[in-house]
Amino acid sequence: MAIKTFAAIDVGSFEMAMKIYELSEKYGFKEIDHIRHRLSLGTDSYNTGKISFSKIEELCEVLLEFKEIMKSYKVNDYKAYGTSAFRETANAMILVDQIKNRTGIKVDVLSNSEQRFLDYKSVASKGAEFNTILEKGTAIVDISGGNIQISLFDNDTLAVTQNLKLGVMRLDSILKRMRVNHKTYENILDDMIVSQLSVFKKLYMKDKDITSLIVVDDYISPILKRGVAGVSEGGYASSEDFIVFADSLFKKSADEIEADLEVSDESLDLMIISANIVKHIIRMCNAEKIWTPGVTICDGIAYEYAEKKGIKITDHDFEKDILAAAVNISKRYMGSKKRSETLEEISLEIFDAMKKVHGMGKRERFLLQLSAILHDCGKFINMTNVGECSYSIIMNTEIIGLSHQERQLLAYVVRFNHDVFQSFDELASVSDIEKEAYLTMARLTAILRIAGGLDKSHKQKMRKLKAVLKDDKLLITVNGEQDIHYERESFSRKVAFFGEIYSIEPVIEQKR
């Protein structure tokens, strides 16, 4: 692959940014320019629910300037994303259409999990340094204008990830509406942060041993990279040094802070809020050190683009993180590990045997694996309405690494594994599911239903079965002397839907 030039554009809550990269198989991706423009879209979005016309005018002007810069660098390709300010505005679809018509630039709006996954990849782009720090208990604290994401890692595996409405611009807007004076500012800010962190600690911090905090943000990280708070050249600082630094911000006047830290007046309050969020998370986790890698979502966008072009940046297995998240969700809702493992094994065996018929790829196979893990998480809520309850759990639980469409597809597969399968028109009237996703959902649901029928007794009688496609039949061979009458009866009730989807008849053969 020859060297390509790529542009990553972030239409954020606080500023717009574009990074230009050179991509090659030999060197990965290398940043060659970083352009930033302060534009506070979040002030409108979080306060009124809409981005004003004047802000859109400025946004389009900046994007046109970005376009000219891309031309000067002879950029081969670009990606532009909007984050929480766009997500939370009522007229997002109209704005995206206006921007495309006026600038020629297509801005895709990221879901929260998509945004956090790109931020996560931006940290992973640090390679060996990232992998080393994950060897011990680590929390990634991803701070944006509207929300923060706290992701806990244990033995290099993602154990917990949760989104909290503690974004710096959101808190700043609330404080300004309250007209808080300097004397009470610190106490009220602490109350706002601690009230949510205390709930997070109670629900998710039990038995978690966190050594390090990785901080990703656009507010405090740039300040720390200058060497304040005892930060080393690599972006590391002890927790004690950082807490002393954060506390000192309330002991100085605004003019003193601006002069000492070379921070603008408009970003001062946001920086203080971000520092205090980090301080309280350090105390909650009892972490020993923090690391500010100095990355932005643009680095994650470039990382993802490089991956799609076959350029390997790091050995970190992101699918392993998604699987771990699914296993933890199942565990939280008292799912059976043995049952899930059995359904995984059977489902994937059938999927692989049917490759020539279904035409699906690795990602769909992965989604089937996730659906097997989460197949009955809703039983925790209601054992007679498992499908609907499972759907609600999946749609309301962060699974970093899945797009909105993938999470919706996964939730529907699990739901219709239990409930009557609905037509596309019925689902389209209550969701934004696309036709191709609907067809994939039908194919995966048919396989999961067959797998469920083959383990109806929950006694794992069908483990180590073999599935082979022969003419118009799927031959499922199971060895052993066990009585499988119950499984046969359950299986027979799943055959019709499978045949409807694939025009293939599944048949059980027991070899004794």
Protein backbone atom coordinates (compact mmCIF):
# COMPACT_ATOMS: atom_id res chain seq x y z
CA MET A 1 0.00 0.00 0.00
CA ALA A 2 1.39 3.38 -1.04
CA ILE A 3 1.32 6.23 1.46
CA LYS A 4 -2.17 7.72 1.70
CA THR A 5 -3.27 10.97 3.26
CA PHE A 6 -6.31 10.82 5.52
CA ALA A 7 -8.26 13.50 7.40
CA ALA A 8 -10.20 12.84 10.63
CA ILE A 9 -12.76 15.50 11.58
CA ASP A 10 -14.34 15.77 15.03
CA VAL A 11 -17.37 18.06 15.34
CA GLY A 12 -17.32 18.09 19.13
CA SER A 13 -19.30 19.77 21.88
CA PHE A 14 -16.61 22.33 22.69
CA GLU A 15 -14.54 22.61 19.54
CA MET A 16 -14.10 21.37 16.00
CA ALA A 17 -10.86 19.61 15.17
CA MET A 18 -9.21 18.07 12.14
CA LYS A 19 -6.08 15.98 12.07
CA ILE A 20 -4.24 15.09 8.88
CA TYR A 21 -2.43 11.74 8.80
CA GLU A 22 -0.14 9.81 6.51
CA LEU A 23 -1.00 6.10 6.41
CA SER A 24 1.23 3.28 5.23
CA GLU A 25 1.67 -0.42 5.91
CA LYS A 26 5.25 0.14 7.04
CA TYR A 27 4.72 3.01 9.51
CA GLY A 28 1.02 2.77 10.42
CA PHE A 29 -0.42 6.25 10.74
CA LYS A 30 1.52 9.44 11.42
CA GLU A 31 -0.04 12.79 12.37
CA ILE A 32 1.19 15.64 10.20
CA ASP A 33 -1.17 18.48 11.15
CA HIS A 34 -3.77 19.35 13.78
CA ILE A 35 -6.25 22.19 13.22
CA ARG A 36 -8.68 23.29 15.94
CA HIS A 37 -11.52 25.81 16.08
CA ARG A 38 -13.38 26.71 19.27
CA LEU A 39 -17.12 26.31 18.72
CA SER A 40 -19.35 25.56 21.69
CA LEU A 41 -22.19 23.53 20.16
CA GLY A 42 -22.88 21.87 23.50
CA THR A 43 -23.94 25.17 25.10
CA ASP A 44 -26.94 25.21 22.75
CA SER A 45 -27.64 21.50 22.70
CA TYR A 46 -27.52 20.84 26.46
CA ASN A 47 -29.49 23.98 27.35
CA THR A 48 -32.16 24.19 24.64
CA GLY A 49 -32.08 20.83 22.87
CA LYS A 50 -31.26 22.52 19.55
CA ILE A 51 -28.16 23.93 17.89
CA SER A 52 -28.79 27.53 16.82
CA PHE A 53 -28.70 28.80 13.24
CA SER A 54 -25.71 31.05 13.98
CA LYS A 55 -23.67 28.09 15.27
CA ILE A 56 -24.54 26.06 12.17
CA GLU A 57 -23.44 28.99 10.00
CA GLU A 58 -20.07 29.07 11.76
CA LEU A 59 -19.78 25.28 11.65
CA CYS A 60 -20.27 25.26 7.86
CA GLU A 61 -17.72 28.04 7.40
CA VAL A 62 -15.14 26.08 9.38
CA LEU A 63 -15.85 22.87 7.46
CA LEU A 64 -15.33 24.75 4.18
CA GLU A 65 -11.96 25.92 5.53
CA PHE A 66 -11.16 22.33 6.53
CA LYS A 67 -12.06 21.29 2.99
CA GLU A 68 -9.53 23.72 1.52
CA ILE A 69 -6.85 22.47 3.92
CA MET A 70 -7.61 18.89 2.85
CA LYS A 71 -7.11 19.93 -0.78
CA SER A 72 -3.74 21.49 0.05
CA TYR A 73 -2.61 18.19 1.61
CA LYS A 74 -4.11 16.20 -1.30
CA VAL A 75 -6.15 14.14 1.13
CA ASN A 76 -7.25 10.78 -0.34
CA ASP A 77 -10.11 10.19 2.08
CA TYR A 78 -11.76 11.60 5.21
CA LYS A 79 -14.22 10.77 7.98
CA ALA A 80 -16.25 13.38 9.88
CA TYR A 81 -18.18 12.62 13.05
CA GLY A 82 -20.50 14.53 15.37
CA THR A 83 -20.66 13.53 19.05
CA SER A 84 -22.95 14.22 22.03
CA ALA A 85 -23.96 17.79 21.07
CA PHE A 86 -25.37 16.38 17.83
CA ARG A 87 -26.83 13.30 19.50
CA GLU A 88 -28.82 15.40 21.93
CA THR A 89 -30.14 17.99 19.51
CA ALA A 90 -33.72 17.51 18.33
CA ASN A 91 -32.98 18.53 14.74
CA ALA A 92 -29.85 16.39 14.14
CA MET A 93 -31.05 14.81 10.89
CA ILE A 94 -31.96 18.18 9.39
CA LEU A 95 -28.62 19.71 10.43
CA VAL A 96 -26.60 16.86 8.95
CA ASP A 97 -28.50 17.28 5.66
CA GLN A 98 -27.90 21.07 5.67
CA ILE A 99 -24.19 20.60 6.32
CA LYS A 100 -23.87 18.08 3.47
CA ASN A 101 -25.70 20.36 1.03
CA ARG A 102 -23.72 23.47 1.98
CA THR A 103 -20.22 22.03 2.37
CA GLY A 104 -20.20 18.68 0.60
CA ILE A 105 -18.93 17.09 3.83
CA LYS A 106 -20.90 14.19 5.27
CA VAL A 107 -21.01 14.25 9.07
CA ASP A 108 -22.08 10.98 10.70
CA VAL A 109 -23.50 11.20 14.23
CA LEU A 110 -21.93 8.69 16.61
CA SER A 111 -23.87 6.83 19.27
CA ASN A 112 -22.29 6.99 22.72
CA SER A 113 -20.84 3.48 22.46
CA GLU A 114 -19.40 4.23 19.00
CA GLN A 115 -17.82 7.45 20.27
CA ARG A 116 -16.28 5.73 23.31
CA PHE A 117 -14.97 2.88 21.17
CA LEU A 118 -13.12 5.37 18.94
CA ASP A 119 -11.68 7.09 22.03
CA TYR A 120 -10.66 3.65 23.33
CA LYS A 121 -8.93 2.91 20.02
CA SER A 122 -7.14 6.25 20.20
CA VAL A 123 -5.55 5.12 23.48
CA ALA A 124 -4.83 1.67 21.99
CA SER A 125 -2.92 3.41 19.19
CA LYS A 126 -0.17 3.93 21.77
CA GLY A 127 0.59 0.22 21.30
CA ALA A 128 2.95 -1.40 23.81
CA GLU A 129 2.50 1.39 26.37
CA PHE A 130 -1.26 0.80 26.38
CA ASN A 131 -0.91 -2.98 26.65
CA THR A 132 1.56 -2.68 29.54
CA ILE A 133 -0.65 -0.44 31.66
CA LEU A 134 -3.63 -2.78 31.15
CA GLU A 135 -1.71 -5.67 32.74
CA LYS A 136 -2.86 -4.35 36.13
CA GLY A 137 -6.30 -3.07 37.14
CA THR A 138 -7.02 0.04 35.07
CA ALA A 139 -9.85 2.51 34.58
CA ILE A 140 -10.20 4.52 31.37
CA VAL A 141 -11.95 7.81 32.14
CA ASP A 142 -13.26 9.32 28.91
CA ILE A 143 -14.53 12.86 29.56
CA SER A 144 -16.55 14.77 26.97
CA GLY A 145 -18.86 17.76 26.94
CA GLY A 146 -22.08 15.89 27.65
CA ASN A 147 -21.06 12.70 29.44
CA ILE A 148 -18.20 10.67 30.87
CA GLN A 149 -17.52 6.98 30.33
CA ILE A 150 -15.79 4.92 33.00
CA SER A 151 -14.42 1.59 31.78
CA LEU A 152 -12.81 -0.82 34.25
CA PHE A 153 -10.25 -3.37 33.07
CA ASP A 154 -9.17 -6.46 34.98
CA ASN A 155 -6.29 -8.63 33.67
CA ASP A 156 -6.36 -6.92 30.27
CA THR A 157 -10.11 -7.58 29.93
CA LEU A 158 -12.92 -5.03 29.93
CA ALA A 159 -14.99 -5.84 33.04
CA VAL A 160 -17.36 -2.84 33.34
CA THR A 161 -18.23 0.21 31.29
CA GLN A 162 -20.81 2.81 32.26
CA ASN A 163 -21.90 6.18 30.93
CA LEU A 164 -22.65 9.00 33.39
CA LYS A 165 -24.13 12.42 32.64
CA LEU A 166 -21.16 14.25 34.13
CA GLY A 167 -19.83 15.91 30.98
CA VAL A 168 -17.94 19.14 31.66
CA MET A 169 -20.12 21.36 29.48
CA ARG A 170 -23.29 19.85 30.92
CA LEU A 171 -22.11 20.55 34.50
CA ASP A 172 -20.89 24.00 33.51
CA SER A 173 -24.30 24.85 32.02
CA ILE A 174 -26.05 23.74 35.22
CA LEU A 175 -23.69 25.77 37.41
CA LYS A 176 -24.18 28.87 35.27
CA ARG A 177 -27.96 28.50 35.41
CA MET A 178 -27.68 28.28 39.22
CA ARG A 179 -25.52 31.44 39.23
CA VAL A 180 -23.16 29.84 41.74
CA ASN A 181 -20.75 32.22 43.46
CA HIS A 182 -17.05 31.50 44.02
CA LYS A 183 -17.49 30.54 47.68
CA THR A 184 -20.00 27.76 47.04
CA TYR A 185 -18.74 26.65 43.58
CA GLU A 186 -16.44 23.89 44.86
CA ASN A 187 -19.00 22.38 47.24
CA ILE A 188 -21.81 22.33 44.69
CA LEU A 189 -19.53 20.87 42.00
CA ASP A 190 -18.41 18.17 44.44
CA ASP A 191 -22.05 17.33 45.24
CA MET A 192 -22.90 16.98 41.56
CA ILE A 193 -19.97 14.66 40.87
CA VAL A 194 -20.00 12.56 44.05
CA SER A 195 -23.76 11.89 43.90
CA GLN A 196 -23.32 9.90 40.67
CA LEU A 197 -19.93 8.37 41.45
CA SER A 198 -21.20 6.98 44.76
CA VAL A 199 -23.88 5.01 42.90
CA PHE A 200 -21.30 3.77 40.38
CA LYS A 201 -19.01 2.67 43.23
CA LYS A 202 -21.77 0.79 44.99
CA LEU A 203 -22.86 -1.05 41.85
CA TYR A 204 -19.59 -1.74 40.05
CA MET A 205 -16.50 -1.22 42.22
CA LYS A 206 -16.88 -4.23 44.52
CA ASP A 207 -13.71 -6.37 44.48
CA LYS A 208 -12.15 -4.12 41.82
CA ASP A 209 -8.46 -3.34 42.36
CA ILE A 210 -7.62 -0.31 40.20
CA THR A 211 -3.98 0.77 40.01
CA SER A 212 -4.02 3.25 37.13
CA LEU A 213 -6.32 5.82 35.58
CA ILE A 214 -6.10 6.63 31.87
CA VAL A 215 -7.62 10.06 31.21
CA VAL A 216 -8.91 11.00 27.76
CA ASP A 217 -10.32 14.51 27.36
CA ASP A 218 -9.83 17.86 25.64
CA TYR A 219 -9.88 19.94 28.82
CA ILE A 220 -7.33 18.86 31.43
CA SER A 221 -5.08 16.60 29.32
CA PRO A 222 -3.57 19.42 27.20
CA ILE A 223 -2.69 21.28 30.43
CA LEU A 224 -1.11 18.23 32.06
CA LYS A 225 0.99 17.50 28.97
CA ARG A 226 2.84 20.75 29.67
CA GLY A 227 4.33 19.21 32.81
CA VAL A 228 2.12 20.58 35.62
CA ALA A 229 1.04 18.36 38.55
CA GLY A 230 4.31 16.46 38.38
CA VAL A 231 3.44 14.96 35.01
CA SER A 232 6.40 13.27 33.34
CA GLU A 233 7.26 13.51 29.67
CA GLY A 234 5.27 10.33 29.00
CA GLY A 235 2.13 11.82 30.53
CA TYR A 236 2.31 10.01 33.91
CA ALA A 237 1.68 11.53 37.34
CA SER A 238 1.14 10.21 40.84
CA SER A 239 -2.40 10.46 42.18
CA GLU A 240 -1.17 12.51 45.14
CA ASP A 241 0.41 15.14 42.87
CA PHE A 242 -2.70 15.37 40.74
CA ILE A 243 -5.04 15.80 43.73
CA VAL A 244 -2.83 18.60 45.11
CA PHE A 245 -2.99 20.27 41.69
CA ALA A 246 -6.80 19.91 41.42
CA ASP A 247 -7.35 21.30 44.94
CA SER A 248 -5.06 24.27 44.22
CA LEU A 249 -7.35 25.44 41.41
CA PHE A 250 -9.90 26.61 43.99
CA LYS A 251 -7.30 28.57 45.94
CA LYS A 252 -6.31 30.84 43.05
CA SER A 253 -8.12 33.58 41.20
CA ALA A 254 -9.16 33.08 37.59
CA ASP A 255 -6.47 35.53 36.46
CA GLU A 256 -3.76 33.61 38.34
CA ILE A 257 -4.82 30.27 36.83
CA GLU A 258 -5.00 31.72 33.31
CA ALA A 259 -1.51 33.18 33.68
CA ASP A 260 0.06 30.11 35.33
CA LEU A 261 -1.46 27.50 33.01
CA GLU A 262 -1.82 29.57 29.83
CA VAL A 263 -5.48 28.68 29.56
CA SER A 264 -8.14 30.87 27.93
CA ASP A 265 -10.96 32.40 29.93
CA GLU A 266 -13.64 30.44 28.02
CA SER A 267 -12.04 27.05 28.75
CA LEU A 268 -11.01 27.79 32.36
CA ASP A 269 -14.20 26.54 34.05
CA LEU A 270 -14.28 23.43 31.87
CA MET A 271 -10.70 22.59 32.79
CA ILE A 272 -11.47 22.98 36.51
CA ILE A 273 -14.55 20.74 36.22
CA SER A 274 -12.58 18.07 34.35
CA ALA A 275 -9.80 18.16 36.95
CA ASN A 276 -12.32 17.66 39.75
CA ILE A 277 -14.03 14.76 37.98
CA VAL A 278 -10.64 13.05 37.70
CA LYS A 279 -9.81 13.85 41.33
CA HIS A 280 -12.99 12.22 42.62
CA ILE A 281 -12.55 9.15 40.40
CA ILE A 282 -8.99 8.75 41.72
CA ARG A 283 -10.38 8.74 45.26
CA MET A 284 -13.21 6.38 44.33
CA CYS A 285 -10.82 3.87 42.74
CA ASN A 286 -7.95 4.48 45.17
CA ALA A 287 -5.70 4.58 42.09
CA GLU A 288 -1.95 5.09 42.45
CA LYS A 289 -1.21 6.96 39.22
CA ILE A 290 -2.80 8.57 36.19
CA TRP A 291 -1.76 8.57 32.55
CA THR A 292 -2.76 11.23 30.04
CA PRO A 293 -1.71 9.84 26.64
CA GLY A 294 -2.70 13.10 24.92
CA VAL A 295 -4.84 11.41 22.27
CA THR A 296 -8.12 12.62 20.78
CA ILE A 297 -11.03 10.96 19.03
CA CYS A 298 -9.38 11.90 15.72
CA ASP A 299 -6.64 9.37 16.52
CA GLY A 300 -9.32 6.73 17.02
CA ILE A 301 -10.94 7.65 13.71
CA ALA A 302 -7.58 7.28 11.95
CA TYR A 303 -6.92 4.00 13.77
CA GLU A 304 -10.25 2.56 12.61
CA TYR A 305 -9.68 3.71 9.04
CA ALA A 306 -6.22 2.13 9.04
CA GLU A 307 -7.71 -1.15 10.32
CA LYS A 308 -10.21 -1.21 7.47
CA LYS A 309 -7.34 -0.73 5.04
CA GLY A 310 -5.52 -3.72 6.51
CA ILE A 311 -2.92 -1.73 8.45
CA LYS A 312 -2.21 -3.33 11.83
CA ILE A 313 -1.50 -0.86 14.64
CA THR A 314 -1.67 -2.99 17.79
CA ASP A 315 -2.21 -6.61 18.85
CA HIS A 316 -5.03 -5.71 21.25
CA ASP A 317 -8.11 -7.89 20.71
CA PHE A 318 -11.16 -5.59 20.76
CA GLU A 319 -13.61 -8.41 20.10
CA LYS A 320 -12.37 -10.05 23.29
CA ASP A 321 -13.45 -6.89 25.16
CA ILE A 322 -16.94 -7.05 23.62
CA LEU A 323 -17.28 -10.74 24.51
CA ALA A 324 -16.14 -10.00 28.06
CA ALA A 325 -18.76 -7.25 28.30
CA ALA A 326 -21.48 -9.67 27.16
CA VAL A 327 -20.34 -12.33 29.65
CA ASN A 328 -20.44 -9.75 32.45
CA ILE A 329 -23.95 -8.64 31.47
CA SER A 330 -25.10 -12.27 31.52
CA LYS A 331 -23.43 -12.79 34.89
CA ARG A 332 -25.05 -9.64 36.30
CA TYR A 333 -28.48 -10.97 35.36
CA MET A 334 -27.79 -14.48 36.72
CA GLY A 335 -27.38 -16.17 33.32
CA SER A 336 -26.21 -19.80 33.20
CA LYS A 337 -22.59 -20.01 32.05
CA LYS A 338 -22.89 -23.67 30.99
CA ARG A 339 -26.09 -23.02 29.07
CA SER A 340 -24.57 -20.03 27.26
CA GLU A 341 -21.43 -21.97 26.37
CA THR A 342 -23.56 -24.80 24.99
CA LEU A 343 -25.64 -22.46 22.84
CA GLU A 344 -22.45 -20.77 21.60
CA GLU A 345 -20.98 -24.11 20.56
CA ILE A 346 -24.14 -25.37 18.82
CA SER A 347 -24.98 -22.03 17.15
CA LEU A 348 -21.50 -21.54 15.73
CA GLU A 349 -21.34 -25.15 14.49
CA ILE A 350 -24.61 -24.63 12.59
CA PHE A 351 -23.48 -21.20 11.32
CA ASP A 352 -20.25 -22.65 9.93
CA ALA A 353 -22.06 -25.57 8.30
CA MET A 354 -24.48 -23.17 6.57
CA LYS A 355 -21.91 -20.74 5.11
CA LYS A 356 -22.77 -21.52 1.49
CA VAL A 357 -26.44 -20.84 2.15
CA HIS A 358 -26.52 -17.79 4.44
CA GLY A 359 -23.60 -15.83 2.92
CA MET A 360 -22.84 -14.10 6.22
CA GLY A 361 -19.33 -13.23 7.43
CA LYS A 362 -17.19 -13.02 10.55
CA ARG A 363 -19.02 -10.07 12.07
CA GLU A 364 -22.41 -11.77 11.81
CA ARG A 365 -20.89 -14.91 13.34
CA PHE A 366 -19.63 -12.75 16.19
CA LEU A 367 -23.09 -11.23 16.73
CA LEU A 368 -24.55 -14.75 16.85
CA GLN A 369 -22.00 -15.64 19.53
CA LEU A 370 -23.06 -12.59 21.55
CA SER A 371 -26.73 -13.49 21.18
CA ALA A 372 -26.02 -16.98 22.54
CA ILE A 373 -24.32 -15.46 25.59
CA LEU A 374 -27.20 -13.05 26.23
CA HIS A 375 -30.01 -15.37 25.08
CA ASP A 376 -32.04 -15.25 28.30
CA CYS A 377 -30.72 -12.32 30.36
CA GLY A 378 -34.32 -11.07 30.70
CA LYS A 379 -35.27 -14.02 32.94
CA PHE A 380 -33.79 -12.04 35.81
CA ILE A 381 -36.66 -9.56 35.43
CA ASN A 382 -39.57 -11.73 34.28
CA MET A 383 -39.50 -15.45 33.47
CA THR A 384 -42.69 -15.30 31.38
CA ASN A 385 -41.66 -12.28 29.28
CA VAL A 386 -38.05 -13.19 28.61
CA GLY A 387 -37.83 -11.83 25.06
CA GLU A 388 -39.06 -8.30 25.77
CA CYS A 389 -37.09 -8.02 29.01
CA SER A 390 -33.89 -9.28 27.33
CA TYR A 391 -34.39 -6.74 24.53
CA SER A 392 -34.72 -3.91 27.07
CA ILE A 393 -31.60 -4.97 28.96
CA ILE A 394 -29.45 -5.11 25.81
CA MET A 395 -30.74 -1.82 24.38
CA ASN A 396 -30.17 -0.04 27.69
CA THR A 397 -26.72 -1.45 28.45
CA GLU A 398 -23.51 0.00 27.03
CA ILE A 399 -21.60 -2.51 24.89
CA ILE A 400 -18.58 -0.57 23.68
CA GLY A 401 -17.52 -1.74 20.23
CA LEU A 402 -20.99 -2.32 18.79
CA SER A 403 -22.68 0.25 16.58
CA HIS A 404 -26.26 1.27 17.31
CA GLN A 405 -27.47 -0.91 14.42
CA GLU A 406 -25.47 -3.92 15.68
CA ARG A 407 -26.74 -3.56 19.23
CA GLN A 408 -30.31 -3.24 17.96
CA LEU A 409 -29.86 -6.29 15.74
CA LEU A 410 -28.42 -8.27 18.67
CA ALA A 411 -31.32 -7.22 20.92
CA TYR A 412 -33.91 -8.29 18.33
CA VAL A 413 -32.25 -11.69 17.75
CA VAL A 414 -32.39 -12.39 21.48
CA ARG A 415 -35.98 -11.10 21.71
CA PHE A 416 -37.31 -13.13 18.77
CA ASN A 417 -35.53 -16.22 19.99
CA HIS A 418 -38.40 -16.24 22.51
CA ASP A 419 -41.21 -14.18 20.93
CA VAL A 420 -43.24 -14.30 17.71
CA PHE A 421 -41.09 -13.03 14.83
CA GLN A 422 -42.41 -9.72 13.49
CA SER A 423 -42.53 -8.47 9.91
CA PHE A 424 -40.21 -5.74 8.67
CA ASP A 425 -43.10 -3.26 8.38
CA GLU A 426 -44.06 -3.86 12.02
CA LEU A 427 -40.51 -3.29 13.26
CA ALA A 428 -39.81 -0.36 10.95
CA SER A 429 -42.79 1.47 12.44
CA VAL A 430 -41.21 1.44 15.91
CA SER A 431 -37.45 1.44 15.13
CA ASP A 432 -34.89 2.59 12.57
CA ILE A 433 -33.86 -0.95 11.58
CA GLU A 434 -32.71 -1.26 7.96
CA LYS A 435 -33.80 -3.99 5.55
CA GLU A 436 -30.42 -5.69 5.32
CA ALA A 437 -30.11 -5.71 9.12
CA TYR A 438 -33.61 -7.18 9.33
CA LEU A 439 -32.67 -10.04 6.99
CA THR A 440 -29.50 -10.73 8.98
CA MET A 441 -31.59 -10.71 12.16
CA ALA A 442 -33.94 -13.33 10.66
CA ARG A 443 -31.05 -15.59 9.63
CA LEU A 444 -29.37 -15.40 13.06
CA THR A 445 -32.65 -15.84 14.93
CA ALA A 446 -33.39 -19.03 12.99
CA ILE A 447 -30.02 -20.50 13.98
CA LEU A 448 -30.32 -19.46 17.64
CA ARG A 449 -33.81 -20.97 17.87
CA ILE A 450 -32.54 -24.32 16.55
CA ALA A 451 -29.63 -24.23 19.02
CA GLY A 452 -32.02 -23.46 21.88
CA GLY A 453 -34.24 -26.34 20.90
CA LEU A 454 -31.28 -28.72 20.90
CA ASP A 455 -30.54 -27.84 24.53
CA LYS A 456 -34.10 -27.45 25.79
CA SER A 457 -33.42 -29.55 28.91
CA HIS A 458 -30.42 -27.34 29.82
CA LYS A 459 -28.43 -30.54 30.38
CA GLN A 460 -25.91 -30.04 27.56
CA LYS A 461 -26.82 -33.38 25.94
CA MET A 462 -26.00 -32.06 22.46
CA ARG A 463 -22.53 -30.68 23.06
CA LYS A 464 -19.91 -31.82 20.54
CA LEU A 465 -22.56 -32.34 17.84
CA LYS A 466 -21.67 -32.10 14.17
CA ALA A 467 -23.65 -30.22 11.53
CA VAL A 468 -23.29 -30.92 7.81
CA LEU A 469 -25.19 -29.43 4.88
CA LYS A 470 -26.27 -32.12 2.42
CA ASP A 471 -28.54 -31.28 -0.49
CA ASP A 472 -31.64 -29.62 1.02
CA LYS A 473 -31.05 -30.92 4.54
CA LEU A 474 -28.94 -29.85 7.50
CA LEU A 475 -27.85 -33.08 9.16
CA ILE A 476 -27.19 -32.62 12.87
CA THR A 477 -25.40 -35.64 14.29
CA VAL A 478 -25.17 -36.28 18.01
CA ASN A 479 -23.34 -39.18 19.64
CA GLY A 480 -24.37 -40.93 22.83
CA GLU A 481 -27.00 -43.03 24.58
CA GLN A 482 -28.80 -40.17 26.35
CA ASP A 483 -32.55 -39.81 26.03
CA ILE A 484 -33.19 -36.83 23.73
CA HIS A 485 -36.98 -37.11 23.33
CA TYR A 486 -37.53 -33.72 24.99
CA GLU A 487 -34.91 -32.09 22.75
CA ARG A 488 -36.43 -33.69 19.62
CA GLU A 489 -39.87 -32.36 20.51
CA SER A 490 -38.56 -28.84 21.13
CA PHE A 491 -36.41 -29.00 18.00
CA SER A 492 -39.41 -30.01 15.87
CA ARG A 493 -41.19 -26.77 16.84
CA LYS A 494 -38.24 -24.66 15.61
CA VAL A 495 -37.86 -26.38 12.24
CA ALA A 496 -40.64 -24.49 10.41
CA PHE A 497 -39.12 -21.03 10.94
CA PHE A 498 -35.65 -22.29 10.00
CA GLY A 499 -37.07 -23.77 6.80
CA GLU A 500 -38.91 -20.53 6.04
CA ILE A 501 -35.67 -18.54 6.25
CA TYR A 502 -33.26 -20.98 4.57
CA SER A 503 -35.43 -23.45 2.59
CA ILE A 504 -33.39 -26.12 4.36
CA GLU A 505 -34.77 -28.90 6.60
CA PRO A 506 -32.75 -29.55 9.78
CA VAL A 507 -32.67 -33.24 10.77
CA ILE A 508 -31.33 -34.86 13.97
CA GLU A 509 -29.38 -38.11 13.70
CA GLN A 510 -28.33 -39.89 16.89
CA LYS A 511 -25.43 -42.31 16.66
CA ARG A 512 -25.29 -44.75 19.54
